[in-house]
Amino acid sequence: MEALLKFVQDEFVTKKEFDTFDAGDTITVYYEIKEGEKVRTQFFRGVVIQRRGSGTSETFTIRKMSGTVGVERIFPVNLPSIQKIEVNKRGKVRRARIFYFRGLTGKKARITEKRR
């Protein structure tokens, strides 16, 4: 049954090609929002906390600070309304899921940038 499900997902679900990114990277996600008849593009810029799942059900979580309040948003990788994903900074972290980042504030909440 799993093999059949995987076959259907690979054949019929369209995959979008984006830049590769991991936990700790700062990215900007541009996505469409429908408001009545109008369609507009909005962006969400923040640090990737985790990537989860595989294949068509893969998701990633982004966290940003809006004033003093932390805001997190979960995006499916294959969401049709996502237009593009830009990688702004590559972060150097030692874990795949940086949930400890939620408890940090101020200078401790900085992530060092990877050297190239």
N, C-alpha and C. Protein backbone atom coordinates (compact mmCIF):
# COMPACT_ATOMS: atom_id res chain seq x y z
N MET A 1 0.82 -1.20 0.00
CA MET A 1 0.00 0.00 0.00
C MET A 1 0.86 1.26 0.00
N GLU A 2 1.93 1.24 0.79
CA GLU A 2 2.81 2.41 0.85
C GLU A 2 3.49 2.64 -0.49
N ALA A 3 3.85 1.57 -1.17
CA ALA A 3 4.50 1.71 -2.47
C ALA A 3 3.55 2.34 -3.48
N LEU A 4 2.30 1.97 -3.44
CA LEU A 4 1.30 2.54 -4.34
C LEU A 4 1.09 4.02 -4.05
N LEU A 5 1.02 4.37 -2.78
CA LEU A 5 0.85 5.76 -2.38
C LEU A 5 2.04 6.59 -2.82
N LYS A 6 3.24 6.07 -2.64
CA LYS A 6 4.45 6.78 -3.06
C LYS A 6 4.49 6.95 -4.57
N PHE A 7 4.06 5.94 -5.31
CA PHE A 7 4.03 6.02 -6.77
C PHE A 7 3.08 7.13 -7.23
N VAL A 8 1.90 7.18 -6.64
CA VAL A 8 0.91 8.19 -7.02
C VAL A 8 1.42 9.59 -6.70
N GLN A 9 2.05 9.76 -5.53
CA GLN A 9 2.58 11.06 -5.16
C GLN A 9 3.69 11.50 -6.10
N ASP A 10 4.57 10.58 -6.48
CA ASP A 10 5.68 10.93 -7.36
C ASP A 10 5.19 11.27 -8.77
N GLU A 11 4.17 10.59 -9.24
CA GLU A 11 3.71 10.77 -10.62
C GLU A 11 2.80 11.98 -10.80
N PHE A 12 1.87 12.17 -9.88
CA PHE A 12 0.79 13.13 -10.14
C PHE A 12 0.89 14.44 -9.38
N VAL A 13 1.65 14.50 -8.31
CA VAL A 13 1.78 15.74 -7.56
C VAL A 13 2.96 16.52 -8.11
N THR A 14 2.71 17.77 -8.48
CA THR A 14 3.77 18.59 -9.05
C THR A 14 4.68 19.10 -7.93
N LYS A 15 5.96 18.94 -8.13
CA LYS A 15 6.94 19.41 -7.15
C LYS A 15 7.55 20.70 -7.66
N LYS A 16 7.74 21.65 -6.75
CA LYS A 16 8.38 22.90 -7.10
C LYS A 16 9.85 22.82 -6.73
N GLU A 17 10.68 23.46 -7.51
CA GLU A 17 12.12 23.48 -7.25
C GLU A 17 12.48 24.80 -6.59
N PHE A 18 12.99 24.73 -5.36
CA PHE A 18 13.43 25.90 -4.63
C PHE A 18 14.89 25.72 -4.24
N ASP A 19 15.50 26.81 -3.77
CA ASP A 19 16.85 26.71 -3.23
C ASP A 19 16.83 25.79 -2.02
N THR A 20 17.93 25.08 -1.81
CA THR A 20 18.00 24.21 -0.64
C THR A 20 18.24 25.06 0.60
N PHE A 21 17.58 24.72 1.68
CA PHE A 21 17.75 25.42 2.94
C PHE A 21 17.57 24.42 4.07
N ASP A 22 18.16 24.74 5.21
CA ASP A 22 18.12 23.87 6.37
C ASP A 22 17.76 24.69 7.61
N ALA A 23 17.73 24.03 8.74
CA ALA A 23 17.46 24.72 10.00
C ALA A 23 18.58 25.72 10.28
N GLY A 24 18.20 26.88 10.78
CA GLY A 24 19.16 27.93 11.09
C GLY A 24 19.30 28.95 9.98
N ASP A 25 18.81 28.66 8.78
CA ASP A 25 18.90 29.60 7.68
C ASP A 25 17.81 30.66 7.81
N THR A 26 18.13 31.87 7.40
CA THR A 26 17.13 32.93 7.34
C THR A 26 16.61 32.99 5.91
N ILE A 27 15.30 32.80 5.75
CA ILE A 27 14.72 32.76 4.41
C ILE A 27 13.54 33.70 4.32
N THR A 28 13.18 34.04 3.08
CA THR A 28 11.98 34.82 2.80
C THR A 28 11.08 33.99 1.90
N VAL A 29 9.84 33.79 2.34
CA VAL A 29 8.87 33.02 1.56
C VAL A 29 7.84 33.99 1.00
N TYR A 30 7.70 34.01 -0.32
CA TYR A 30 6.70 34.83 -0.99
C TYR A 30 5.52 33.93 -1.33
N TYR A 31 4.32 34.30 -0.88
CA TYR A 31 3.14 33.47 -1.13
C TYR A 31 1.95 34.36 -1.44
N GLU A 32 0.98 33.79 -2.15
CA GLU A 32 -0.20 34.53 -2.57
C GLU A 32 -1.29 34.44 -1.51
N ILE A 33 -2.02 35.56 -1.38
CA ILE A 33 -3.17 35.61 -0.48
C ILE A 33 -4.36 36.11 -1.29
N LYS A 34 -5.49 35.40 -1.17
CA LYS A 34 -6.71 35.82 -1.83
C LYS A 34 -7.57 36.57 -0.83
N GLU A 35 -7.97 37.78 -1.22
CA GLU A 35 -8.87 38.59 -0.40
C GLU A 35 -10.05 38.96 -1.27
N GLY A 36 -11.09 38.16 -1.21
CA GLY A 36 -12.25 38.37 -2.08
C GLY A 36 -11.87 38.06 -3.52
N GLU A 37 -11.94 39.07 -4.37
CA GLU A 37 -11.59 38.90 -5.79
C GLU A 37 -10.09 39.13 -6.02
N LYS A 38 -9.46 39.88 -5.12
CA LYS A 38 -8.07 40.27 -5.33
C LYS A 38 -7.10 39.17 -4.89
N VAL A 39 -5.96 39.12 -5.57
CA VAL A 39 -4.87 38.23 -5.18
C VAL A 39 -3.63 39.09 -5.01
N ARG A 40 -2.99 39.00 -3.87
CA ARG A 40 -1.77 39.78 -3.65
C ARG A 40 -0.68 38.89 -3.09
N THR A 41 0.55 39.36 -3.20
CA THR A 41 1.71 38.60 -2.73
C THR A 41 2.16 39.18 -1.40
N GLN A 42 2.39 38.29 -0.46
CA GLN A 42 2.89 38.68 0.85
C GLN A 42 4.14 37.86 1.14
N PHE A 43 5.03 38.40 1.95
CA PHE A 43 6.22 37.63 2.28
C PHE A 43 6.33 37.44 3.78
N PHE A 44 7.05 36.39 4.16
CA PHE A 44 7.30 36.05 5.55
C PHE A 44 8.78 35.75 5.67
N ARG A 45 9.51 36.58 6.41
CA ARG A 45 10.95 36.41 6.56
C ARG A 45 11.26 36.01 7.99
N GLY A 46 12.05 34.94 8.13
CA GLY A 46 12.41 34.49 9.46
C GLY A 46 13.42 33.36 9.41
N VAL A 47 13.68 32.78 10.57
CA VAL A 47 14.66 31.70 10.71
C VAL A 47 13.94 30.36 10.64
N VAL A 48 14.50 29.44 9.88
CA VAL A 48 13.92 28.11 9.78
C VAL A 48 14.24 27.35 11.06
N ILE A 49 13.19 26.91 11.74
CA ILE A 49 13.37 26.15 12.98
C ILE A 49 13.50 24.67 12.69
N GLN A 50 12.72 24.18 11.74
CA GLN A 50 12.78 22.75 11.43
C GLN A 50 12.29 22.48 10.03
N ARG A 51 12.74 21.36 9.48
CA ARG A 51 12.15 20.76 8.29
C ARG A 51 11.66 19.39 8.71
N ARG A 52 10.47 19.04 8.29
CA ARG A 52 9.87 17.81 8.79
C ARG A 52 9.16 17.09 7.66
N GLY A 53 9.20 15.76 7.72
CA GLY A 53 8.51 14.95 6.73
C GLY A 53 9.38 14.69 5.51
N SER A 54 8.77 14.04 4.51
CA SER A 54 9.49 13.77 3.27
C SER A 54 8.49 13.69 2.14
N GLY A 55 8.99 13.86 0.95
CA GLY A 55 8.13 13.76 -0.23
C GLY A 55 7.14 14.91 -0.31
N THR A 56 5.90 14.57 -0.63
CA THR A 56 4.88 15.60 -0.81
C THR A 56 4.36 16.16 0.50
N SER A 57 4.57 15.45 1.59
CA SER A 57 4.05 15.91 2.88
C SER A 57 5.11 16.66 3.69
N GLU A 58 6.18 17.09 3.07
CA GLU A 58 7.25 17.78 3.79
C GLU A 58 6.82 19.21 4.14
N THR A 59 7.14 19.63 5.35
CA THR A 59 6.83 20.98 5.81
C THR A 59 8.07 21.60 6.44
N PHE A 60 8.03 22.93 6.57
CA PHE A 60 9.09 23.63 7.28
C PHE A 60 8.46 24.72 8.12
N THR A 61 9.08 25.01 9.26
CA THR A 61 8.57 25.99 10.21
C THR A 61 9.52 27.18 10.24
N ILE A 62 8.95 28.37 10.15
CA ILE A 62 9.73 29.60 10.18
C ILE A 62 9.30 30.41 11.40
N ARG A 63 10.27 31.01 12.06
CA ARG A 63 9.99 31.85 13.24
C ARG A 63 10.57 33.24 13.01
N LYS A 64 9.76 34.26 13.32
CA LYS A 64 10.25 35.63 13.26
C LYS A 64 9.74 36.38 14.47
N MET A 65 10.38 37.47 14.78
CA MET A 65 9.95 38.31 15.89
C MET A 65 9.15 39.48 15.30
N SER A 66 7.94 39.64 15.79
CA SER A 66 7.10 40.77 15.40
C SER A 66 6.97 41.65 16.64
N GLY A 67 7.83 42.64 16.74
CA GLY A 67 7.92 43.44 17.96
C GLY A 67 8.58 42.60 19.04
N THR A 68 7.85 42.34 20.10
CA THR A 68 8.39 41.49 21.18
C THR A 68 7.73 40.12 21.19
N VAL A 69 6.88 39.86 20.21
CA VAL A 69 6.14 38.60 20.16
C VAL A 69 6.75 37.72 19.07
N GLY A 70 7.01 36.46 19.41
CA GLY A 70 7.50 35.51 18.42
C GLY A 70 6.35 34.93 17.62
N VAL A 71 6.50 34.91 16.29
CA VAL A 71 5.46 34.39 15.40
C VAL A 71 6.05 33.24 14.61
N GLU A 72 5.37 32.11 14.62
CA GLU A 72 5.82 30.95 13.86
C GLU A 72 4.78 30.60 12.82
N ARG A 73 5.25 30.13 11.68
CA ARG A 73 4.34 29.73 10.62
C ARG A 73 4.86 28.45 9.99
N ILE A 74 3.97 27.53 9.72
CA ILE A 74 4.33 26.26 9.10
C ILE A 74 3.88 26.29 7.65
N PHE A 75 4.80 26.01 6.74
CA PHE A 75 4.50 25.97 5.31
C PHE A 75 4.74 24.57 4.78
N PRO A 76 3.80 24.00 4.03
CA PRO A 76 4.10 22.79 3.26
C PRO A 76 5.02 23.16 2.09
N VAL A 77 5.96 22.30 1.77
CA VAL A 77 6.91 22.60 0.70
C VAL A 77 6.18 22.70 -0.65
N ASN A 78 5.17 21.85 -0.86
CA ASN A 78 4.46 21.83 -2.13
C ASN A 78 3.19 22.67 -2.12
N LEU A 79 3.12 23.70 -1.30
CA LEU A 79 1.96 24.57 -1.25
C LEU A 79 1.84 25.32 -2.58
N PRO A 80 0.70 25.24 -3.26
CA PRO A 80 0.59 25.90 -4.57
C PRO A 80 0.70 27.41 -4.52
N SER A 81 0.37 28.03 -3.38
CA SER A 81 0.41 29.49 -3.32
C SER A 81 1.81 30.04 -3.08
N ILE A 82 2.80 29.20 -2.80
CA ILE A 82 4.17 29.69 -2.64
C ILE A 82 4.74 30.03 -4.01
N GLN A 83 5.19 31.27 -4.17
CA GLN A 83 5.76 31.70 -5.43
C GLN A 83 7.26 31.44 -5.48
N LYS A 84 7.96 31.90 -4.44
CA LYS A 84 9.40 31.66 -4.41
C LYS A 84 9.91 31.70 -2.98
N ILE A 85 11.07 31.11 -2.80
CA ILE A 85 11.75 31.10 -1.50
C ILE A 85 13.16 31.60 -1.73
N GLU A 86 13.52 32.67 -1.01
CA GLU A 86 14.87 33.22 -1.10
C GLU A 86 15.63 32.89 0.18
N VAL A 87 16.86 32.45 0.03
CA VAL A 87 17.71 32.21 1.18
C VAL A 87 18.54 33.47 1.41
N ASN A 88 18.30 34.14 2.54
CA ASN A 88 19.01 35.39 2.84
C ASN A 88 20.35 35.14 3.52
N LYS A 89 20.37 34.25 4.52
CA LYS A 89 21.61 33.91 5.23
C LYS A 89 21.63 32.43 5.53
N ARG A 90 22.80 31.84 5.45
CA ARG A 90 22.98 30.44 5.86
C ARG A 90 23.46 30.44 7.30
N GLY A 91 22.72 29.78 8.16
CA GLY A 91 23.07 29.75 9.57
C GLY A 91 23.88 28.52 9.93
N LYS A 92 24.73 28.68 10.93
CA LYS A 92 25.54 27.57 11.41
C LYS A 92 24.95 27.09 12.72
N VAL A 93 24.24 25.95 12.66
CA VAL A 93 23.66 25.35 13.86
C VAL A 93 24.05 23.88 13.89
N ARG A 94 23.95 23.28 15.07
CA ARG A 94 24.41 21.91 15.23
C ARG A 94 23.27 20.91 15.30
N ARG A 95 22.05 21.38 15.15
CA ARG A 95 20.89 20.50 15.26
C ARG A 95 19.98 20.67 14.05
N ALA A 96 19.14 19.68 13.82
CA ALA A 96 18.19 19.74 12.72
C ALA A 96 16.92 20.48 13.14
N ARG A 97 16.63 20.49 14.43
CA ARG A 97 15.45 21.18 14.93
C ARG A 97 15.88 22.06 16.09
N ILE A 98 15.80 23.36 15.92
CA ILE A 98 16.34 24.28 16.91
C ILE A 98 15.21 24.90 17.73
N PHE A 99 14.51 24.05 18.48
CA PHE A 99 13.42 24.53 19.32
C PHE A 99 13.93 25.36 20.49
N TYR A 100 15.18 25.20 20.87
CA TYR A 100 15.74 26.00 21.95
C TYR A 100 15.77 27.47 21.56
N PHE A 101 15.67 27.76 20.30
CA PHE A 101 15.70 29.13 19.78
C PHE A 101 14.50 29.94 20.29
N ARG A 102 13.41 29.25 20.63
CA ARG A 102 12.22 29.94 21.12
C ARG A 102 12.45 30.63 22.45
N GLY A 103 13.31 30.08 23.26
CA GLY A 103 13.54 30.64 24.58
C GLY A 103 14.61 31.71 24.64
N LEU A 104 15.27 31.98 23.53
CA LEU A 104 16.36 32.95 23.52
C LEU A 104 15.86 34.33 23.11
N THR A 105 16.42 35.35 23.73
CA THR A 105 16.09 36.73 23.38
C THR A 105 17.37 37.55 23.30
N GLY A 106 17.31 38.66 22.63
CA GLY A 106 18.43 39.59 22.56
C GLY A 106 19.60 39.03 21.78
N LYS A 107 20.80 39.27 22.29
CA LYS A 107 22.01 38.84 21.57
C LYS A 107 22.18 37.33 21.54
N LYS A 108 21.58 36.64 22.50
CA LYS A 108 21.70 35.17 22.51
C LYS A 108 20.91 34.53 21.38
N ALA A 109 19.98 35.28 20.81
CA ALA A 109 19.13 34.74 19.74
C ALA A 109 19.78 34.89 18.37
N ARG A 110 21.03 35.28 18.33
CA ARG A 110 21.72 35.41 17.05
C ARG A 110 22.26 34.05 16.62
N ILE A 111 22.22 33.82 15.33
CA ILE A 111 22.79 32.61 14.75
C ILE A 111 23.97 33.03 13.88
N THR A 112 25.13 32.41 14.11
CA THR A 112 26.30 32.79 13.33
C THR A 112 26.14 32.31 11.89
N GLU A 113 26.69 33.08 10.97
CA GLU A 113 26.57 32.77 9.56
C GLU A 113 27.66 31.79 9.14
N LYS A 114 27.31 30.89 8.24
CA LYS A 114 28.28 29.92 7.74
C LYS A 114 29.33 30.62 6.90
N ARG A 115 30.55 30.15 7.01
CA ARG A 115 31.61 30.65 6.14
C ARG A 115 31.54 29.93 4.83
N ARG A 116 31.91 30.61 3.77
CA ARG A 116 31.83 29.98 2.44
C ARG A 116 33.14 29.54 1.94
